[in-house]
């Protein structure tokens, strides 16, 4: 089991960190593993806060970190680089830029 604040129970999919071959690095927080997907049943308090009757409805939440998969494939050591819009970094992903 995993912990996410808005789902209960929760689960996640982890893959071996290819940047350090599972030995531990700053990307995988020295665990050798990297979470790429999180999921779980939406906590009834979240539904109630959104005005949805939690006694009538339930929800399942999931999210896949495609940027984490790209991080492993392209050996990017800092995930924040994807959102900084630095063309010098981004041009490696699109030919012809």
PDB file of N, CA and C in Angstrom:
ATOM      1  N   UNK A   1       0.822  -1.206   0.000  1.00  0.00           N
ATOM      2  CA  UNK A   1       0.000   0.000   0.000  1.00  0.00           C
ATOM      3  C   UNK A   1       0.860   1.262   0.000  1.00  0.00           C
ATOM      4  N   UNK A   2       0.286   2.308  -0.512  1.00  0.00           N
ATOM      5  CA  UNK A   2       0.959   3.599  -0.583  1.00  0.00           C
ATOM      6  C   UNK A   2       0.076   4.641   0.087  1.00  0.00           C
ATOM      7  N   UNK A   3       0.605   5.839   0.267  1.00  0.00           N
ATOM      8  CA  UNK A   3      -0.187   6.913   0.854  1.00  0.00           C
ATOM      9  C   UNK A   3      -0.265   8.088  -0.102  1.00  0.00           C
ATOM     10  N   UNK A   4      -1.477   8.483  -0.425  1.00  0.00           N
ATOM     11  CA  UNK A   4      -1.757   9.724  -1.130  1.00  0.00           C
ATOM     12  C   UNK A   4      -2.870  10.396  -0.327  1.00  0.00           C
ATOM     13  N   UNK A   5      -2.792  11.693  -0.090  1.00  0.00           N
ATOM     14  CA  UNK A   5      -3.721  12.338   0.836  1.00  0.00           C
ATOM     15  C   UNK A   5      -5.186  12.349   0.406  1.00  0.00           C
ATOM     16  N   UNK A   6      -5.479  12.150  -0.872  1.00  0.00           N
ATOM     17  CA  UNK A   6      -6.862  12.255  -1.324  1.00  0.00           C
ATOM     18  C   UNK A   6      -7.484  10.921  -1.701  1.00  0.00           C
ATOM     19  N   UNK A   7      -6.732   9.833  -1.540  1.00  0.00           N
ATOM     20  CA  UNK A   7      -7.272   8.509  -1.854  1.00  0.00           C
ATOM     21  C   UNK A   7      -7.012   7.545  -0.706  1.00  0.00           C
ATOM     22  N   UNK A   8      -7.946   6.582  -0.575  1.00  0.00           N
ATOM     23  CA  UNK A   8      -7.771   5.562   0.464  1.00  0.00           C
ATOM     24  C   UNK A   8      -8.671   4.379   0.139  1.00  0.00           C
ATOM     25  N   UNK A   9      -8.151   3.208  -0.088  1.00  0.00           N
ATOM     26  CA  UNK A   9      -6.733   2.853  -0.075  1.00  0.00           C
ATOM     27  C   UNK A   9      -6.030   3.379  -1.324  1.00  0.00           C
ATOM     28  N   UNK A  10      -4.733   3.375  -1.290  1.00  0.00           N
ATOM     29  CA  UNK A  10      -3.920   3.874  -2.396  1.00  0.00           C
ATOM     30  C   UNK A  10      -2.925   2.810  -2.834  1.00  0.00           C
ATOM     31  N   UNK A  11      -2.456   2.944  -4.063  1.00  0.00           N
ATOM     32  CA  UNK A  11      -1.427   2.041  -4.585  1.00  0.00           C
ATOM     33  C   UNK A  11      -0.571   2.830  -5.563  1.00  0.00           C
ATOM     34  N   UNK A  12       0.585   2.295  -5.896  1.00  0.00           N
ATOM     35  CA  UNK A  12       1.443   2.942  -6.882  1.00  0.00           C
ATOM     36  C   UNK A  12       2.231   1.892  -7.637  1.00  0.00           C
ATOM     37  N   UNK A  13       2.715   2.296  -8.808  1.00  0.00           N
ATOM     38  CA  UNK A  13       3.593   1.450  -9.606  1.00  0.00           C
ATOM     39  C   UNK A  13       4.971   2.089  -9.563  1.00  0.00           C
ATOM     40  N   UNK A  14       5.947   1.321  -9.165  1.00  0.00           N
ATOM     41  CA  UNK A  14       7.334   1.787  -9.110  1.00  0.00           C
ATOM     42  C   UNK A  14       8.170   0.978 -10.094  1.00  0.00           C
ATOM     43  N   UNK A  15       9.165   1.632 -10.678  1.00  0.00           N
ATOM     44  CA  UNK A  15      10.113   0.945 -11.553  1.00  0.00           C
ATOM     45  C   UNK A  15      11.516   1.179 -11.018  1.00  0.00           C
ATOM     46  N   UNK A  16      12.393   0.281 -11.348  1.00  0.00           N
ATOM     47  CA  UNK A  16      13.786   0.427 -10.939  1.00  0.00           C
ATOM     48  C   UNK A  16      14.380   1.659 -11.610  1.00  0.00           C
ATOM     49  N   UNK A  17      15.105   2.445 -10.866  1.00  0.00           N
ATOM     50  CA  UNK A  17      15.715   3.665 -11.398  1.00  0.00           C
ATOM     51  C   UNK A  17      16.849   3.288 -12.345  1.00  0.00           C
ATOM     52  N   UNK A  18      16.689   3.671 -13.612  1.00  0.00           N
ATOM     53  CA  UNK A  18      17.719   3.352 -14.603  1.00  0.00           C
ATOM     54  C   UNK A  18      18.866   4.359 -14.588  1.00  0.00           C
ATOM     55  N   UNK A  19      18.678   5.467 -13.888  1.00  0.00           N
ATOM     56  CA  UNK A  19      19.764   6.445 -13.810  1.00  0.00           C
ATOM     57  C   UNK A  19      20.900   5.944 -12.920  1.00  0.00           C
ATOM     58  N   UNK A  20      20.541   5.137 -11.906  1.00  0.00           N
ATOM     59  CA  UNK A  20      21.566   4.615 -10.990  1.00  0.00           C
ATOM     60  C   UNK A  20      21.583   3.082 -10.976  1.00  0.00           C
ATOM     61  N   UNK A  21      20.790   2.473 -11.875  1.00  0.00           N
ATOM     62  CA  UNK A  21      20.660   1.009 -11.921  1.00  0.00           C
ATOM     63  C   UNK A  21      20.206   0.429 -10.586  1.00  0.00           C
ATOM     64  N   UNK A  22      19.329   1.159  -9.886  1.00  0.00           N
ATOM     65  CA  UNK A  22      18.758   0.668  -8.641  1.00  0.00           C
ATOM     66  C   UNK A  22      19.656   0.793  -7.425  1.00  0.00           C
ATOM     67  N   UNK A  23      20.805   1.452  -7.583  1.00  0.00           N
ATOM     68  CA  UNK A  23      21.743   1.578  -6.453  1.00  0.00           C
ATOM     69  C   UNK A  23      21.381   2.731  -5.523  1.00  0.00           C
ATOM     70  N   UNK A  24      20.643   3.716  -6.043  1.00  0.00           N
ATOM     71  CA  UNK A  24      20.254   4.874  -5.242  1.00  0.00           C
ATOM     72  C   UNK A  24      20.940   6.138  -5.716  1.00  0.00           C
ATOM     73  N   UNK A  25      20.139   7.177  -5.984  1.00  0.00           N
ATOM     74  CA  UNK A  25      20.672   8.471  -6.417  1.00  0.00           C
ATOM     75  C   UNK A  25      19.685   9.551  -5.984  1.00  0.00           C
ATOM     76  N   UNK A  26      19.998  10.805  -6.293  1.00  0.00           N
ATOM     77  CA  UNK A  26      19.104  11.882  -5.871  1.00  0.00           C
ATOM     78  C   UNK A  26      17.770  11.851  -6.610  1.00  0.00           C
ATOM     79  N   UNK A  27      17.711  11.270  -7.806  1.00  0.00           N
ATOM     80  CA  UNK A  27      16.454  11.193  -8.551  1.00  0.00           C
ATOM     81  C   UNK A  27      15.471  10.250  -7.861  1.00  0.00           C
ATOM     82  N   UNK A  28      15.950   9.088  -7.422  1.00  0.00           N
ATOM     83  CA  UNK A  28      15.072   8.097  -6.770  1.00  0.00           C
ATOM     84  C   UNK A  28      15.095   8.232  -5.248  1.00  0.00           C
ATOM     85  N   UNK A  29      15.669   9.314  -4.771  1.00  0.00           N
ATOM     86  CA  UNK A  29      15.784   9.572  -3.323  1.00  0.00           C
ATOM     87  C   UNK A  29      16.509   8.432  -2.610  1.00  0.00           C
ATOM     88  N   UNK A  30      17.487   7.888  -3.305  1.00  0.00           N
ATOM     89  CA  UNK A  30      18.371   6.843  -2.758  1.00  0.00           C
ATOM     90  C   UNK A  30      17.632   5.565  -2.366  1.00  0.00           C
ATOM     91  N   UNK A  31      16.488   5.301  -3.051  1.00  0.00           N
ATOM     92  CA  UNK A  31      15.754   4.058  -2.805  1.00  0.00           C
ATOM     93  C   UNK A  31      16.001   3.028  -3.895  1.00  0.00           C
ATOM     94  N   UNK A  32      16.438   3.495  -5.074  1.00  0.00           N
ATOM     95  CA  UNK A  32      16.598   2.602  -6.215  1.00  0.00           C
ATOM     96  C   UNK A  32      15.316   2.443  -7.016  1.00  0.00           C
ATOM     97  N   UNK A  33      14.220   3.085  -6.577  1.00  0.00           N
ATOM     98  CA  UNK A  33      12.916   2.958  -7.220  1.00  0.00           C
ATOM     99  C   UNK A  33      12.333   4.328  -7.541  1.00  0.00           C
ATOM    100  N   UNK A  34      11.532   4.398  -8.607  1.00  0.00           N
ATOM    101  CA  UNK A  34      10.897   5.644  -9.013  1.00  0.00           C
ATOM    102  C   UNK A  34       9.411   5.382  -9.266  1.00  0.00           C
ATOM    103  N   UNK A  35       8.555   6.150  -8.611  1.00  0.00           N
ATOM    104  CA  UNK A  35       7.108   6.003  -8.799  1.00  0.00           C
ATOM    105  C   UNK A  35       6.717   6.588 -10.146  1.00  0.00           C
ATOM    106  N   UNK A  36       5.955   5.824 -10.943  1.00  0.00           N
ATOM    107  CA  UNK A  36       5.486   6.336 -12.230  1.00  0.00           C
ATOM    108  C   UNK A  36       3.964   6.405 -12.318  1.00  0.00           C
ATOM    109  N   UNK A  37       3.257   5.788 -11.369  1.00  0.00           N
ATOM    110  CA  UNK A  37       1.803   5.827 -11.398  1.00  0.00           C
ATOM    111  C   UNK A  37       1.266   5.712  -9.979  1.00  0.00           C
ATOM    112  N   UNK A  38       0.311   6.561  -9.651  1.00  0.00           N
ATOM    113  CA  UNK A  38      -0.361   6.488  -8.358  1.00  0.00           C
ATOM    114  C   UNK A  38      -1.856   6.357  -8.576  1.00  0.00           C
ATOM    115  N   UNK A  39      -2.534   5.666  -7.661  1.00  0.00           N
ATOM    116  CA  UNK A  39      -3.968   5.479  -7.836  1.00  0.00           C
ATOM    117  C   UNK A  39      -4.625   5.166  -6.495  1.00  0.00           C
ATOM    118  N   UNK A  40      -5.942   5.201  -6.496  1.00  0.00           N
ATOM    119  CA  UNK A  40      -6.678   4.836  -5.297  1.00  0.00           C
ATOM    120  C   UNK A  40      -8.126   5.264  -5.370  1.00  0.00           C
ATOM    121  N   UNK A  41      -8.890   4.821  -4.384  1.00  0.00           N
ATOM    122  CA  UNK A  41     -10.288   5.221  -4.265  1.00  0.00           C
ATOM    123  C   UNK A  41     -10.332   6.627  -3.656  1.00  0.00           C
ATOM    124  N   UNK A  42     -11.120   7.505  -4.266  1.00  0.00           N
ATOM    125  CA  UNK A  42     -11.210   8.884  -3.791  1.00  0.00           C
ATOM    126  C   UNK A  42     -11.809   8.891  -2.386  1.00  0.00           C
ATOM    127  N   UNK A  43     -11.138   9.594  -1.484  1.00  0.00           N
ATOM    128  CA  UNK A  43     -11.608   9.723  -0.103  1.00  0.00           C
ATOM    129  C   UNK A  43     -12.981  10.406  -0.115  1.00  0.00           C
ATOM    130  N   UNK A  44     -13.964   9.868   0.596  1.00  0.00           N
ATOM    131  CA  UNK A  44     -15.304  10.476   0.630  1.00  0.00           C
ATOM    132  C   UNK A  44     -15.297  11.946   1.039  1.00  0.00           C
ATOM    133  N   UNK A  45     -14.358  12.367   1.860  1.00  0.00           N
ATOM    134  CA  UNK A  45     -14.273  13.780   2.254  1.00  0.00           C
ATOM    135  C   UNK A  45     -13.983  14.677   1.057  1.00  0.00           C
ATOM    136  N   UNK A  46     -13.238  14.173   0.094  1.00  0.00           N
ATOM    137  CA  UNK A  46     -12.946  14.946  -1.118  1.00  0.00           C
ATOM    138  C   UNK A  46     -14.233  15.132  -1.918  1.00  0.00           C
ATOM    139  N   UNK A  47     -14.991  14.058  -2.072  1.00  0.00           N
ATOM    140  CA  UNK A  47     -16.261  14.159  -2.798  1.00  0.00           C
ATOM    141  C   UNK A  47     -17.203  15.136  -2.103  1.00  0.00           C
ATOM    142  N   UNK A  48     -17.320  15.018  -0.791  1.00  0.00           N
ATOM    143  CA  UNK A  48     -18.182  15.930  -0.031  1.00  0.00           C
ATOM    144  C   UNK A  48     -17.755  17.383  -0.220  1.00  0.00           C
ATOM    145  N   UNK A  49     -16.458  17.638  -0.202  1.00  0.00           N
ATOM    146  CA  UNK A  49     -15.941  19.003  -0.367  1.00  0.00           C
ATOM    147  C   UNK A  49     -16.255  19.566  -1.753  1.00  0.00           C
ATOM    148  N   UNK A  50     -16.478  18.682  -2.721  1.00  0.00           N
ATOM    149  CA  UNK A  50     -16.809  19.108  -4.087  1.00  0.00           C
ATOM    150  C   UNK A  50     -18.314  19.160  -4.324  1.00  0.00           C
ATOM    151  N   UNK A  51     -19.085  18.923  -3.258  1.00  0.00           N
ATOM    152  CA  UNK A  51     -20.533  18.958  -3.395  1.00  0.00           C
ATOM    153  C   UNK A  51     -21.117  17.690  -4.000  1.00  0.00           C
ATOM    154  N   UNK A  52     -20.385  16.597  -3.955  1.00  0.00           N
ATOM    155  CA  UNK A  52     -20.850  15.312  -4.489  1.00  0.00           C
ATOM    156  C   UNK A  52     -21.218  14.416  -3.311  1.00  0.00           C
ATOM    157  N   UNK A  53     -22.382  13.831  -3.374  1.00  0.00           N
ATOM    158  CA  UNK A  53     -22.864  12.974  -2.288  1.00  0.00           C
ATOM    159  C   UNK A  53     -22.044  11.686  -2.241  1.00  0.00           C
ATOM    160  N   UNK A  54     -21.175  11.567  -1.250  1.00  0.00           N
ATOM    161  CA  UNK A  54     -20.284  10.410  -1.131  1.00  0.00           C
ATOM    162  C   UNK A  54     -21.031   9.139  -0.750  1.00  0.00           C
ATOM    163  N   UNK A  55     -22.275   9.271  -0.312  1.00  0.00           N
ATOM    164  CA  UNK A  55     -23.069   8.076  -0.012  1.00  0.00           C
ATOM    165  C   UNK A  55     -23.670   7.482  -1.280  1.00  0.00           C
ATOM    166  N   UNK A  56     -23.756   8.315  -2.323  1.00  0.00           N
ATOM    167  CA  UNK A  56     -24.321   7.852  -3.593  1.00  0.00           C
ATOM    168  C   UNK A  56     -23.241   7.557  -4.634  1.00  0.00           C
ATOM    169  N   UNK A  57     -22.134   8.298  -4.575  1.00  0.00           N
ATOM    170  CA  UNK A  57     -21.092   8.167  -5.589  1.00  0.00           C
ATOM    171  C   UNK A  57     -19.748   7.814  -4.960  1.00  0.00           C
ATOM    172  N   UNK A  58     -18.933   7.119  -5.725  1.00  0.00           N
ATOM    173  CA  UNK A  58     -17.540   6.855  -5.352  1.00  0.00           C
ATOM    174  C   UNK A  58     -16.673   7.255  -6.534  1.00  0.00           C
ATOM    175  N   UNK A  59     -15.396   7.299  -6.327  1.00  0.00           N
ATOM    176  CA  UNK A  59     -14.504   7.662  -7.420  1.00  0.00           C
ATOM    177  C   UNK A  59     -13.191   6.923  -7.340  1.00  0.00           C
ATOM    178  N   UNK A  60     -12.577   6.758  -8.492  1.00  0.00           N
ATOM    179  CA  UNK A  60     -11.261   6.143  -8.586  1.00  0.00           C
ATOM    180  C   UNK A  60     -10.347   7.152  -9.252  1.00  0.00           C
ATOM    181  N   UNK A  61      -9.232   7.446  -8.632  1.00  0.00           N
ATOM    182  CA  UNK A  61      -8.287   8.420  -9.175  1.00  0.00           C
ATOM    183  C   UNK A  61      -6.997   7.713  -9.562  1.00  0.00           C
ATOM    184  N   UNK A  62      -6.406   8.157 -10.664  1.00  0.00           N
ATOM    185  CA  UNK A  62      -5.102   7.620 -11.052  1.00  0.00           C
ATOM    186  C   UNK A  62      -4.371   8.652 -11.890  1.00  0.00           C
ATOM    187  N   UNK A  63      -3.098   8.580 -11.867  1.00  0.00           N
ATOM    188  CA  UNK A  63      -2.293   9.483 -12.668  1.00  0.00           C
ATOM    189  C   UNK A  63      -0.953   8.854 -12.982  1.00  0.00           C
ATOM    190  N   UNK A  64      -0.587   8.933 -14.244  1.00  0.00           N
ATOM    191  CA  UNK A  64       0.688   8.368 -14.677  1.00  0.00           C
ATOM    192  C   UNK A  64       1.660   9.506 -14.933  1.00  0.00           C
ATOM    193  N   UNK A  65       2.849   9.374 -14.423  1.00  0.00           N
ATOM    194  CA  UNK A  65       3.868  10.395 -14.617  1.00  0.00           C
ATOM    195  C   UNK A  65       4.673  10.148 -15.882  1.00  0.00           C
ATOM    196  N   UNK A  66       4.103  10.562 -17.030  1.00  0.00           N
ATOM    197  CA  UNK A  66       4.817  10.332 -18.293  1.00  0.00           C
ATOM    198  C   UNK A  66       6.151  11.073 -18.312  1.00  0.00           C
ATOM    199  N   UNK A  67       6.213  12.192 -17.574  1.00  0.00           N
ATOM    200  CA  UNK A  67       7.480  12.918 -17.517  1.00  0.00           C
ATOM    201  C   UNK A  67       8.542  12.099 -16.782  1.00  0.00           C
ATOM    202  N   UNK A  68       8.127  11.250 -15.876  1.00  0.00           N
ATOM    203  CA  UNK A  68       9.098  10.395 -15.174  1.00  0.00           C
ATOM    204  C   UNK A  68       9.629   9.306 -16.090  1.00  0.00           C
ATOM    205  N   UNK A  69       8.762   8.791 -16.956  1.00  0.00           N
ATOM    206  CA  UNK A  69       9.222   7.797 -17.928  1.00  0.00           C
ATOM    207  C   UNK A  69      10.213   8.450 -18.887  1.00  0.00           C
ATOM    208  N   UNK A  70       9.892   9.670 -19.342  1.00  0.00           N
ATOM    209  CA  UNK A  70      10.819  10.402 -20.212  1.00  0.00           C
ATOM    210  C   UNK A  70      12.111  10.721 -19.464  1.00  0.00           C
ATOM    211  N   UNK A  71      12.003  11.010 -18.182  1.00  0.00           N
ATOM    212  CA  UNK A  71      13.183  11.291 -17.367  1.00  0.00           C
ATOM    213  C   UNK A  71      14.137  10.104 -17.385  1.00  0.00           C
ATOM    214  N   UNK A  72      13.593   8.907 -17.246  1.00  0.00           N
ATOM    215  CA  UNK A  72      14.434   7.711 -17.264  1.00  0.00           C
ATOM    216  C   UNK A  72      14.989   7.441 -18.659  1.00  0.00           C
ATOM    217  N   UNK A  73      14.138   7.584 -19.685  1.00  0.00           N
ATOM    218  CA  UNK A  73      14.578   7.308 -21.055  1.00  0.00           C
ATOM    219  C   UNK A  73      15.698   8.246 -21.489  1.00  0.00           C
ATOM    220  N   UNK A  74      15.547   9.537 -21.192  1.00  0.00           N
ATOM    221  CA  UNK A  74      16.519  10.532 -21.644  1.00  0.00           C
ATOM    222  C   UNK A  74      17.563  10.877 -20.586  1.00  0.00           C
ATOM    223  N   UNK A  75      17.529  10.175 -19.454  1.00  0.00           N
ATOM    224  CA  UNK A  75      18.510  10.338 -18.387  1.00  0.00           C
ATOM    225  C   UNK A  75      18.565  11.785 -17.874  1.00  0.00           C
ATOM    226  N   UNK A  76      17.391  12.364 -17.662  1.00  0.00           N
ATOM    227  CA  UNK A  76      17.270  13.724 -17.137  1.00  0.00           C
ATOM    228  C   UNK A  76      17.324  13.641 -15.612  1.00  0.00           C
ATOM    229  N   UNK A  77      18.236  14.353 -15.006  1.00  0.00           N
ATOM    230  CA  UNK A  77      18.419  14.239 -13.559  1.00  0.00           C
ATOM    231  C   UNK A  77      17.549  15.191 -12.741  1.00  0.00           C
ATOM    232  N   UNK A  78      16.932  16.186 -13.381  1.00  0.00           N
ATOM    233  CA  UNK A  78      16.089  17.135 -12.653  1.00  0.00           C
ATOM    234  C   UNK A  78      14.756  17.286 -13.378  1.00  0.00           C
ATOM    235  N   UNK A  79      13.696  16.781 -12.787  1.00  0.00           N
ATOM    236  CA  UNK A  79      12.364  16.789 -13.385  1.00  0.00           C
ATOM    237  C   UNK A  79      11.864  18.204 -13.672  1.00  0.00           C
ATOM    238  N   UNK A  80      12.319  19.176 -12.924  1.00  0.00           N
ATOM    239  CA  UNK A  80      11.864  20.561 -13.107  1.00  0.00           C
ATOM    240  C   UNK A  80      12.259  21.133 -14.461  1.00  0.00           C
ATOM    241  N   UNK A  81      13.254  20.565 -15.106  1.00  0.00           N
ATOM    242  CA  UNK A  81      13.688  21.066 -16.411  1.00  0.00           C
ATOM    243  C   UNK A  81      12.568  21.004 -17.451  1.00  0.00           C
ATOM    244  N   UNK A  82      11.669  20.039 -17.327  1.00  0.00           N
ATOM    245  CA  UNK A  82      10.575  19.906 -18.294  1.00  0.00           C
ATOM    246  C   UNK A  82       9.619  21.091 -18.258  1.00  0.00           C
ATOM    247  N   UNK A  83       9.475  21.757 -17.140  1.00  0.00           N
ATOM    248  CA  UNK A  83       8.504  22.849 -17.027  1.00  0.00           C
ATOM    249  C   UNK A  83       9.132  24.240 -17.085  1.00  0.00           C
ATOM    250  N   UNK A  84      10.427  24.323 -17.267  1.00  0.00           N
ATOM    251  CA  UNK A  84      11.085  25.634 -17.303  1.00  0.00           C
ATOM    252  C   UNK A  84      11.089  26.268 -18.689  1.00  0.00           C
ATOM    253  N   UNK A  85      10.691  25.509 -19.720  1.00  0.00           N
ATOM    254  CA  UNK A  85      10.592  26.010 -21.096  1.00  0.00           C
ATOM    255  C   UNK A  85      11.896  26.576 -21.640  1.00  0.00           C
ATOM    256  N   UNK A  86      12.999  25.990 -21.248  1.00  0.00           N
ATOM    257  CA  UNK A  86      14.304  26.389 -21.776  1.00  0.00           C
ATOM    258  C   UNK A  86      14.512  25.652 -23.095  1.00  0.00           C
ATOM    259  N   UNK A  87      14.537  26.407 -24.181  1.00  0.00           N
ATOM    260  CA  UNK A  87      14.634  25.814 -25.511  1.00  0.00           C
ATOM    261  C   UNK A  87      15.908  24.982 -25.671  1.00  0.00           C
ATOM    262  N   UNK A  88      16.970  25.359 -24.976  1.00  0.00           N
ATOM    263  CA  UNK A  88      18.214  24.574 -25.066  1.00  0.00           C
ATOM    264  C   UNK A  88      18.007  23.162 -24.536  1.00  0.00           C
ATOM    265  N   UNK A  89      17.174  23.022 -23.529  1.00  0.00           N
ATOM    266  CA  UNK A  89      16.855  21.697 -22.986  1.00  0.00           C
ATOM    267  C   UNK A  89      15.821  20.989 -23.855  1.00  0.00           C
ATOM    268  N   UNK A  90      14.757  21.695 -24.222  1.00  0.00           N
ATOM    269  CA  UNK A  90      13.632  21.076 -24.916  1.00  0.00           C
ATOM    270  C   UNK A  90      13.945  20.650 -26.340  1.00  0.00           C
ATOM    271  N   UNK A  91      14.878  21.308 -27.015  1.00  0.00           N
ATOM    272  CA  UNK A  91      15.113  20.988 -28.426  1.00  0.00           C
ATOM    273  C   UNK A  91      15.656  19.580 -28.638  1.00  0.00           C
ATOM    274  N   UNK A  92      16.187  18.949 -27.618  1.00  0.00           N
ATOM    275  CA  UNK A  92      16.679  17.577 -27.774  1.00  0.00           C
ATOM    276  C   UNK A  92      15.538  16.581 -27.999  1.00  0.00           C
ATOM    277  N   UNK A  93      14.298  16.979 -27.705  1.00  0.00           N
ATOM    278  CA  UNK A  93      13.168  16.067 -27.827  1.00  0.00           C
ATOM    279  C   UNK A  93      12.415  16.203 -29.144  1.00  0.00           C
ATOM    280  N   UNK A  94      12.643  17.270 -29.900  1.00  0.00           N
ATOM    281  CA  UNK A  94      11.950  17.479 -31.164  1.00  0.00           C
ATOM    282  C   UNK A  94      12.964  17.781 -32.253  1.00  0.00           C
ATOM    283  N   UNK A  95      13.093  16.893 -33.232  1.00  0.00           N
ATOM    284  CA  UNK A  95      14.048  17.144 -34.310  1.00  0.00           C
ATOM    285  C   UNK A  95      13.661  18.387 -35.109  1.00  0.00           C
ATOM    286  N   UNK A  96      14.637  19.139 -35.515  1.00  0.00           N
ATOM    287  CA  UNK A  96      14.399  20.282 -36.375  1.00  0.00           C
ATOM    288  C   UNK A  96      14.195  21.606 -35.670  1.00  0.00           C
ATOM    289  N   UNK A  97      14.261  21.637 -34.355  1.00  0.00           N
ATOM    290  CA  UNK A  97      14.103  22.924 -33.653  1.00  0.00           C
ATOM    291  C   UNK A  97      15.476  23.522 -33.440  1.00  0.00           C
TER     292      UNK A  97
END
